[in-house]
Protein backbone atom coordinates (compact mmCIF):
# COMPACT_ATOMS: atom_id res chain seq x y z
CA MET A 1 43.38 -25.30 -135.77
CA ASP A 2 39.26 -23.22 -135.04
CA ARG A 3 38.45 -26.35 -133.63
CA GLY A 4 41.01 -26.86 -131.45
CA MET A 5 40.11 -23.72 -130.39
CA ALA A 6 36.90 -24.02 -130.15
CA ASP A 7 37.52 -27.19 -127.68
CA THR A 8 40.15 -25.34 -125.78
CA TYR A 9 37.21 -22.33 -125.42
CA GLY A 10 34.49 -24.71 -124.73
CA ARG A 11 36.25 -26.90 -121.89
CA GLY A 12 37.58 -23.77 -120.75
CA THR A 13 34.09 -22.29 -120.92
CA VAL A 14 32.64 -25.56 -118.85
CA THR A 15 35.90 -25.40 -116.20
CA THR A 16 35.24 -21.64 -115.94
CA ALA A 17 31.33 -22.00 -115.18
CA SER A 18 32.15 -25.70 -113.09
CA ARG A 19 34.70 -23.65 -110.58
CA ARG A 20 32.27 -20.82 -109.96
CA TRP A 21 29.35 -23.20 -109.31
CA PHE A 22 31.60 -25.37 -107.06
CA GLY A 23 33.51 -22.09 -105.36
CA GLY A 24 30.12 -20.83 -104.26
CA ARG A 25 29.10 -24.43 -102.47
CA ASP A 26 32.96 -23.86 -100.76
CA GLU A 27 32.15 -20.24 -99.70
CA SER A 28 28.98 -21.72 -98.60
CA ARG A 29 30.52 -24.51 -96.34
CA ARG A 30 33.66 -21.91 -95.40
CA ALA A 31 30.43 -20.04 -93.80
CA ASP A 32 28.89 -22.65 -92.17
CA ALA A 33 32.49 -24.13 -90.35
CA GLN A 34 32.82 -20.26 -89.50
CA ALA A 35 29.51 -19.66 -87.59
CA ALA A 36 30.39 -23.62 -85.94
CA LYS A 37 34.01 -21.52 -84.95
CA ASP A 38 31.58 -18.56 -83.66
CA ALA A 39 29.48 -20.36 -81.87
CA ALA A 40 31.78 -22.90 -80.10
CA ALA A 41 34.04 -19.69 -79.29
CA ALA A 42 30.81 -18.23 -77.71
CA ALA A 43 29.90 -21.56 -75.66
CA PHE A 44 33.80 -21.40 -74.70
CA TYR A 45 33.54 -17.70 -73.48
CA GLU A 46 30.17 -18.76 -71.58
CA LEU A 47 31.49 -21.60 -70.16
CA ASP A 48 34.74 -19.57 -68.73
CA THR A 49 32.57 -16.96 -67.35
CA ALA A 50 30.45 -19.36 -65.36
CA GLN A 51 33.64 -21.18 -64.00
CA ARG A 52 35.10 -18.19 -62.98
CA ASP A 53 32.11 -17.17 -61.22
CA LEU A 54 31.66 -20.28 -59.65
CA ARG A 55 35.29 -20.33 -58.05
CA ILE A 56 34.79 -17.26 -56.45
CA SER A 57 31.57 -18.76 -54.50
CA ILE A 58 33.23 -22.13 -53.72
CA GLU A 59 36.20 -19.87 -52.45
CA THR A 60 33.26 -18.16 -50.40
CA ILE A 61 32.19 -21.32 -49.22
CA ALA A 62 35.20 -22.70 -48.48
CA ALA A 63 36.45 -19.26 -46.06
CA ALA A 64 33.18 -19.33 -44.20
CA ASP A 65 32.38 -23.21 -43.77
CA GLY A 66 34.58 -26.35 -42.63
CA SER A 67 31.74 -28.75 -42.78
CA PRO A 68 32.13 -31.85 -44.67
CA ALA A 69 29.17 -30.17 -46.99
CA ALA A 70 31.36 -27.51 -47.62
CA ARG A 71 34.52 -29.90 -48.34
CA GLN A 72 32.19 -32.04 -51.13
CA ALA A 73 31.45 -28.73 -52.81
CA THR A 74 35.10 -27.99 -53.17
CA GLU A 75 35.44 -31.47 -54.15
CA GLY A 76 32.57 -31.38 -56.40
CA PHE A 77 34.29 -28.02 -58.04
CA ALA A 78 37.70 -30.05 -58.74
CA ALA A 79 35.85 -32.97 -60.55
CA LEU A 80 34.03 -30.40 -62.81
CA GLY A 81 37.11 -28.56 -63.31
CA GLN A 82 38.69 -31.60 -64.81
CA ARG A 83 35.47 -32.03 -67.33
CA ILE A 84 35.58 -28.58 -68.45
CA ASP A 85 39.80 -29.27 -68.81
CA GLN A 86 38.65 -31.98 -70.75
CA VAL A 87 36.02 -30.47 -72.67
CA SER A 88 37.99 -26.73 -73.70
CA HIS A 89 40.84 -29.06 -74.97
CA VAL A 90 38.66 -30.47 -77.70
CA TYR A 91 37.31 -27.15 -78.83
CA ILE A 92 40.93 -25.95 -78.65
CA GLU A 93 42.18 -28.71 -80.92
CA ALA A 94 39.45 -28.28 -83.07
CA VAL A 95 39.76 -24.37 -83.55
CA ASP A 96 43.96 -25.15 -84.53
CA ALA A 97 43.23 -27.71 -86.46
CA HIS A 98 41.72 -25.55 -89.44
CA ASP A 99 42.54 -22.42 -90.77
CA LEU A 100 38.89 -21.07 -91.96
CA ASP A 101 40.69 -18.22 -93.66
CA ARG A 102 42.98 -20.00 -96.36
CA ALA A 103 42.03 -18.93 -99.67
CA GLU A 104 41.87 -22.70 -101.26
CA LEU A 105 39.69 -24.10 -98.51
CA GLU A 106 38.49 -27.89 -99.60
CA ALA A 107 34.96 -28.23 -98.89
CA SER A 108 35.84 -31.43 -97.37
CA VAL A 109 37.61 -29.81 -94.73
CA ALA A 110 35.29 -27.28 -94.12
CA THR A 111 32.45 -29.65 -93.79
CA ARG A 112 34.84 -31.56 -91.63
CA ALA A 113 35.86 -28.60 -89.46
CA ARG A 114 32.35 -27.21 -88.71
CA ASP A 115 31.13 -30.92 -87.39
CA GLU A 116 33.90 -30.85 -84.75
CA LEU A 117 33.17 -27.18 -83.87
CA THR A 118 29.85 -28.26 -83.58
CA ARG A 119 30.73 -31.10 -81.43
CA ALA A 120 33.07 -29.15 -79.43
CA ARG A 121 30.05 -26.25 -78.51
CA ASP A 122 27.38 -29.08 -77.74
CA GLU A 123 30.35 -30.10 -75.51
CA LEU A 124 30.73 -26.79 -73.84
CA LEU A 125 27.28 -26.14 -73.53
CA ARG A 126 26.33 -29.66 -72.06
CA VAL A 127 29.33 -29.39 -69.70
CA LYS A 128 27.95 -25.31 -69.05
CA GLY A 129 24.31 -27.20 -67.76
CA GLU A 130 26.15 -29.60 -65.43
CA LEU A 131 27.94 -26.54 -64.18
CA GLU A 132 24.96 -24.85 -63.96
CA ARG A 133 22.90 -27.58 -62.22
CA PHE A 134 26.06 -27.73 -59.68
CA ALA A 135 25.83 -23.64 -58.79
CA GLN A 136 21.93 -23.97 -57.94
CA GLY A 137 22.75 -27.20 -55.39
CA LEU A 138 25.13 -24.81 -53.62
CA GLN A 139 22.83 -21.85 -53.40
CA PRO A 140 22.05 -23.01 -48.76
CA LEU A 141 25.80 -23.12 -48.67
CA LEU A 142 26.91 -19.91 -50.42
CA ASP A 143 23.51 -18.40 -48.82
CA LYS A 144 25.38 -19.29 -45.30
CA ALA A 145 28.91 -18.72 -46.25
CA GLU A 146 27.84 -14.38 -47.69
CA THR A 147 26.08 -14.41 -43.65
CA GLN A 148 29.38 -15.70 -42.15
CA LEU A 149 31.67 -13.81 -44.34
CA ALA A 150 29.35 -10.30 -43.45
CA ARG A 151 30.62 -10.43 -40.08
CA VAL A 152 34.05 -10.12 -41.02
CA ALA A 153 34.36 -6.69 -42.32
CA PRO A 154 32.20 -4.56 -39.16
CA ALA A 155 34.77 -6.88 -36.97
CA ARG A 156 37.90 -5.96 -38.53
CA GLU A 157 36.53 -2.08 -39.05
CA ARG A 158 36.10 -2.31 -35.04
CA ALA A 159 39.67 -4.01 -34.41
CA ARG A 160 41.52 -1.47 -36.52
CA ALA A 161 39.72 1.41 -34.84
CA ALA A 162 40.48 0.25 -31.47
CA LEU A 163 44.18 0.31 -32.49
CA ILE A 164 44.14 3.51 -33.64
CA GLY A 165 42.10 5.08 -30.01
CA ALA A 166 45.07 2.50 -28.29
CA SER A 167 47.62 4.73 -30.59
CA ASP A 168 45.76 8.18 -29.67
CA ALA A 169 45.29 7.52 -26.32
CA LEU A 170 49.56 6.83 -25.63
CA ASP A 171 50.53 9.61 -27.51
CA ALA A 172 48.18 11.50 -25.10
CA VAL A 173 49.96 10.52 -22.26
CA ARG A 174 53.71 10.44 -23.88
CA ALA A 175 52.38 14.87 -24.47
CA LYS A 176 52.05 14.69 -21.04
CA GLY A 177 55.71 13.03 -20.08
CA MET A 178 54.77 9.93 -19.10
CA ARG A 179 56.48 7.14 -21.42
CA ALA A 180 54.22 4.29 -20.91
CA ASP A 181 56.97 1.95 -22.47
CA ASP A 182 55.21 -1.06 -21.36
CA LEU A 183 51.82 -0.22 -23.25
CA ALA A 184 53.49 0.37 -26.51
CA ALA A 185 55.45 -2.48 -26.22
CA ARG A 186 52.12 -4.27 -25.87
CA LEU A 187 50.50 -2.39 -28.60
CA ALA A 188 53.38 -3.39 -30.97
CA ALA A 189 53.12 -6.97 -30.17
CA LEU A 190 49.35 -6.77 -31.68
CA GLY A 191 51.07 -6.19 -35.35
CA PRO A 192 51.52 -9.12 -36.62
CA GLU A 193 48.34 -10.14 -35.45
CA LEU A 194 46.82 -7.09 -37.75
CA THR A 195 49.02 -8.28 -40.43
CA LYS A 196 46.79 -11.93 -40.56
CA LEU A 197 43.76 -10.01 -40.07
CA ASN A 198 44.13 -7.90 -43.05
CA GLN A 199 45.26 -11.11 -45.10
CA GLY A 200 41.27 -11.78 -44.43
CA ALA A 201 39.11 -14.94 -44.14
CA ALA A 202 40.00 -16.40 -47.33
CA LEU A 203 43.57 -17.13 -45.89
CA HIS A 204 42.39 -17.54 -42.31
CA GLY A 205 38.39 -18.79 -42.35
CA VAL A 206 35.75 -16.71 -41.07
CA GLN A 207 35.55 -17.49 -37.35
CA GLU A 208 39.37 -17.74 -36.78
CA THR A 209 39.17 -13.94 -38.39
CA VAL A 210 36.06 -12.80 -36.59
CA GLN A 211 37.90 -14.47 -33.27
CA ARG A 212 41.29 -12.66 -34.36
CA ALA A 213 39.50 -8.97 -34.68
CA ASP A 214 37.54 -9.95 -31.19
CA ARG A 215 40.94 -10.69 -29.36
CA ILE A 216 42.67 -7.33 -31.15
CA LEU A 217 39.77 -5.00 -29.88
CA ARG A 218 39.68 -6.73 -26.58
CA ASP A 219 43.55 -6.22 -26.23
CA ALA A 220 43.32 -2.45 -28.09
CA GLU A 221 40.89 -1.24 -25.88
CA ALA A 222 42.96 -2.36 -22.45
CA ILE A 223 45.52 -0.67 -23.38
CA ARG A 224 43.69 2.69 -24.28
CA ALA A 225 41.84 2.00 -21.25
CA GLU A 226 45.30 1.88 -19.16
CA ALA A 227 47.18 4.63 -20.98
CA ALA A 228 43.38 6.67 -20.58
CA ARG A 229 44.18 5.79 -16.79
CA LEU A 230 47.88 6.15 -16.49
CA PRO A 231 47.95 9.81 -15.04
CA GLU A 232 45.54 9.17 -12.30
CA ARG A 233 47.37 5.87 -11.50
CA ALA A 234 50.50 7.98 -11.42
CA ALA A 235 48.34 10.06 -8.79
CA GLU A 236 47.30 7.57 -6.96
CA ILE A 237 50.58 5.54 -6.37
CA ASP A 238 52.26 8.98 -5.46
CA ARG A 239 49.68 8.96 -2.53
CA ARG A 240 49.93 5.57 -1.56
CA LEU A 241 53.78 6.47 -1.38
CA VAL A 242 53.61 9.11 0.71
CA SER A 243 50.99 7.77 2.75
CA LEU A 244 53.13 4.42 3.29
CA ARG A 245 56.34 6.04 4.47
CA THR A 246 54.28 8.01 7.09
CA ARG A 247 52.73 4.80 8.39
CA ALA A 248 56.31 3.08 8.41
CA GLN A 249 57.12 6.29 10.41
CA ALA A 250 54.38 6.07 12.95
CA LEU A 251 55.02 1.88 13.58
CA ARG A 252 58.58 2.58 14.16
CA ASN A 253 58.06 5.24 16.71
CA ARG A 254 55.45 2.70 18.12
CA ALA A 255 58.04 -0.22 18.34
CA ASP A 256 59.95 1.86 20.43
CA ARG A 257 56.86 2.15 22.95
CA VAL A 258 56.65 -1.98 22.89
CA ASP A 259 59.81 -2.21 25.34
CA PRO A 260 57.71 -0.44 28.67
CA VAL A 261 54.97 -2.85 27.59
CA LEU A 262 57.29 -6.06 27.78
CA SER A 263 58.61 -4.45 31.16
CA GLU A 264 55.59 -4.12 32.17
CA LEU A 265 54.65 -7.57 31.25
CA ARG A 266 57.35 -9.16 33.09
CA ARG A 267 57.01 -7.30 36.13
CA ARG A 268 53.38 -8.23 36.73
CA PHE A 269 53.13 -11.28 34.82
CA SER A 270 54.59 -14.81 34.82
CA ALA A 271 57.04 -15.39 31.90
CA ALA A 272 54.50 -17.78 30.29
CA CYS A 273 52.69 -14.70 29.52
CA TRP A 274 54.89 -12.68 27.96
CA GLN A 275 57.83 -15.06 26.50
CA ASP A 276 56.47 -15.52 23.07
CA LEU A 277 56.46 -11.73 22.61
CA GLN A 278 60.31 -10.88 23.35
CA HIS A 279 61.69 -10.91 20.02
CA VAL A 280 58.27 -8.10 18.80
CA PRO A 281 60.70 -4.84 19.44
CA ASP A 282 64.18 -6.21 17.61
CA GLU A 283 61.69 -7.63 14.52
CA ALA A 284 59.28 -4.65 14.19
CA VAL A 285 62.69 -2.35 13.79
CA ARG A 286 63.97 -4.65 11.19
CA ASP A 287 60.53 -4.92 9.37
CA VAL A 288 60.28 -1.20 9.19
CA SER A 289 63.65 -0.78 8.32
CA ARG A 290 63.39 -3.73 5.64
CA ALA A 291 59.99 -1.39 4.45
CA GLU A 292 61.26 1.69 4.27
CA GLU A 293 64.36 0.46 2.33
CA GLN A 294 61.32 -1.52 -0.04
CA LEU A 295 59.67 2.26 -0.35
CA ARG A 296 62.78 3.72 -1.63
CA GLU A 297 63.32 1.33 -4.15
CA ALA A 298 59.56 2.11 -5.07
CA GLY A 299 60.38 5.72 -5.34
CA VAL A 300 63.57 5.29 -7.68
CA ALA A 301 60.71 2.70 -9.80
CA ARG A 302 58.26 5.55 -9.95
CA ASP A 303 60.64 7.83 -11.00
CA GLU A 304 61.58 5.64 -13.56
CA GLN A 305 58.17 4.90 -14.53
CA ARG A 306 58.28 1.21 -13.83
CA TRP A 307 54.82 1.14 -12.68
CA ALA A 308 54.42 -2.82 -12.34
CA ASP A 309 57.59 -2.63 -10.39
CA VAL A 310 56.10 -0.15 -8.43
CA GLY A 311 53.03 -2.28 -7.53
CA THR A 312 54.79 -5.20 -6.43
CA LEU A 313 56.99 -3.13 -4.34
CA ILE A 314 54.04 -1.12 -2.90
CA GLU A 315 51.74 -4.71 -1.76
CA ALA A 316 55.21 -6.15 -0.51
CA VAL A 317 55.98 -3.19 2.43
CA ARG A 318 51.97 -2.82 2.79
CA GLY A 319 52.20 -6.15 3.68
CA ALA A 320 54.82 -6.07 5.84
CA LEU A 321 53.44 -2.96 7.75
CA ASP A 322 50.38 -5.08 8.41
CA ALA A 323 52.22 -7.67 9.61
CA THR A 324 54.33 -5.40 11.77
CA ASP A 325 51.48 -4.22 13.02
CA GLY A 326 49.69 -6.77 14.19
CA ALA A 327 53.06 -7.84 16.34
CA VAL A 328 53.66 -4.42 17.64
CA SER A 329 49.45 -4.12 18.57
CA ALA A 330 49.84 -7.68 19.97
CA ALA A 331 52.27 -6.92 22.92
CA GLN A 332 49.66 -3.85 24.15
CA ASP A 333 46.74 -6.35 23.73
CA ARG A 334 47.86 -9.04 25.68
CA LEU A 335 48.62 -6.35 28.51
CA THR A 336 45.70 -5.11 28.55
CA ARG A 337 43.93 -8.68 28.29
CA LEU A 338 45.90 -10.10 31.22
CA GLU A 339 45.21 -6.99 33.04
CA ALA A 340 41.52 -7.67 32.91
CA VAL A 341 41.58 -11.14 33.33
CA ALA A 342 43.81 -10.74 36.46
CA ARG A 343 41.48 -8.26 38.24
CA ASP A 344 38.30 -10.61 37.56
CA PRO A 345 39.01 -14.05 36.04
CA GLN A 346 35.13 -14.58 36.69
CA ALA A 347 34.01 -12.33 33.64
CA GLU A 348 35.80 -14.95 31.45
CA VAL A 349 34.73 -17.83 33.13
CA ASP A 350 30.66 -16.77 32.94
CA ARG A 351 31.65 -15.82 29.46
CA THR A 352 32.29 -19.39 28.45
CA ARG A 353 30.10 -20.96 30.83
CA PHE A 354 27.24 -18.75 29.04
CA ALA A 355 27.83 -20.20 25.78
CA ILE A 356 27.66 -23.49 27.44
CA ARG A 357 24.67 -23.39 28.27
CA ASP A 358 23.20 -21.66 25.40
CA ALA A 359 24.51 -24.86 23.48
CA GLN A 360 22.94 -27.35 25.93
CA ARG A 361 19.76 -25.58 25.92
CA LEU A 362 19.79 -26.02 22.09
CA ALA A 363 21.14 -29.54 22.35
CA MET A 364 17.71 -31.03 23.99
CA ALA A 365 15.15 -28.68 22.61
CA GLY A 366 12.52 -31.18 21.42
CA ARG A 367 14.59 -33.81 23.12
CA SER A 368 14.13 -35.38 26.46
CA VAL A 369 17.20 -36.91 26.28
CA PRO A 370 20.37 -35.41 25.22
CA ASP A 371 22.61 -37.16 21.93
CA PRO A 372 25.69 -38.18 23.18
CA ARG A 373 27.60 -36.46 20.40
CA HIS A 374 26.41 -33.28 21.76
CA ALA A 375 26.53 -34.21 25.63
CA ARG A 376 29.68 -35.27 25.92
CA PRO A 377 31.42 -32.30 24.26
CA LEU A 378 29.37 -30.17 25.96
CA ASP A 379 30.33 -32.07 29.34
CA ASP A 380 33.69 -32.08 28.46
CA ALA A 381 33.75 -28.31 28.00
CA VAL A 382 32.16 -27.60 31.95
CA ALA A 383 35.20 -29.85 33.54
CA ARG A 384 37.93 -27.63 31.09
CA VAL A 385 36.32 -24.58 32.65
CA GLY A 386 36.72 -26.12 36.42
CA ARG A 387 40.24 -27.51 35.86
CA ALA A 388 41.34 -23.95 34.07
CA LEU A 389 39.99 -22.35 37.26
CA GLU A 390 42.06 -24.42 39.52
CA GLY A 391 45.02 -23.31 37.09
CA LEU A 392 44.59 -20.03 38.24
CA GLU A 393 45.31 -20.61 41.98
CA GLY A 394 48.77 -20.25 42.99
CA ARG A 395 51.14 -17.47 43.46
CA HIS A 396 52.04 -16.39 40.04
CA PRO A 397 49.20 -17.74 37.87
CA ASP A 398 49.80 -18.24 34.14
CA TYR A 399 46.51 -15.77 32.80
CA TRP A 400 47.66 -16.27 29.20
CA ALA A 401 47.31 -20.03 29.18
CA PHE A 402 43.42 -19.45 30.92
CA LEU A 403 42.40 -16.95 28.68
CA GLN A 404 43.77 -19.61 25.58
CA GLU A 405 42.21 -22.33 27.22
CA MET A 406 38.73 -20.43 27.48
CA GLU A 407 38.94 -19.40 23.92
CA ALA A 408 39.13 -22.67 23.13
CA VAL A 409 36.43 -24.22 24.87
CA ARG A 410 34.17 -21.49 23.34
CA ALA A 411 35.73 -22.72 19.80
CA SER A 412 34.84 -26.44 20.87
CA VAL A 413 31.32 -25.34 21.76
CA ASN A 414 30.70 -23.60 18.77
CA ARG A 415 31.28 -26.00 16.54
CA VAL A 416 28.66 -28.71 18.44
CA VAL A 417 26.45 -25.50 17.75
CA SER A 418 27.07 -25.36 14.17
CA GLY A 419 26.95 -29.40 13.78
CA ILE A 420 23.38 -29.58 15.69
CA ARG A 421 22.06 -26.63 13.37
CA GLU A 422 23.60 -28.40 10.29
CA GLU A 423 21.92 -31.69 11.10
CA ARG A 424 18.02 -29.47 12.07
CA GLY A 425 18.87 -28.06 8.79
CA GLN A 426 18.98 -30.86 6.73
CA GLY A 427 16.20 -32.69 8.71
């Protein structure tokens, strides 16, 4: 029994000693595996951090640069991302496969865990090295992109400041009783553009964002300037309306005096001298009445602050009054000219012949024989003057046709002179 007890005790002693010795080795392997796990975790964290930093750089480049090199950088980063996913998956599988905190961890399991985690760490570090080399190659693109992006914030702030200025200017004129509805509508229309501007270059790109900021700035500045000018513009419109009303009344009075002028023309000159003017009095009264009606419409538009409509109506009235003024003046001008030529037709003839002689001297300058291209129309001009004079013979000469012919002859002579000077200028 004693022997049996001794054997049992002996075996127990050996067994206990053996477990202590192997247990120490197990703890050492467990520590090695844990150290490998910690090193792999550190490598995983460093790779993840480097990938995040590089992603920011890639997004910066993509936002600022649309070149092929920038697109290649994005594609290269995507390929690296796949490699990172692969080695990260290997690391995570190695961590999940081994519970290093388990009480009864076999030595072989600890050794296998250490080896797998060490390989995972090595792969993580190797890919991190690839990532760092890739990042170094991107530096020129990144520097360029950051320079471009530096333009965005100032441009955006200038645009926002311009919008605030336009809004303040609108508030100021509204406080003076002016609605400025069209300017308010234009300012409101910039809202969607401001939303896109706030979305930034990451979504819309640097160039488009800066251009959008410049457009907003330009449009907002125009609105602000127009709002600031609105009171002055309203006062100017009021002055123009008063002036046009006065002018319309004056033209109505002048139109009433056209009939006596026409009567004088009918009494003293042939029908050919005045028949084209018979419609002037009636048309003048009609056109002035239409202008006065448009002025009343412009007054209503002014009261309603429809500035664009006011401007259009004012321009229409001004054009109509200009045309009427010309027609009314034409009658008196016709009588004056006809009276002058009836008294002394020779003065008009001398004026025309002087122009012809001047052209003839120019045509002969430096030549012994005139160029037929110049001589022929000048000779024709001389003949036309003679025929026009002959047309004045008779009881009721057409002085108006005579005056028109003299003007036509001088025009033809001027064309010859211009042609000579052009040719000699080119020579």
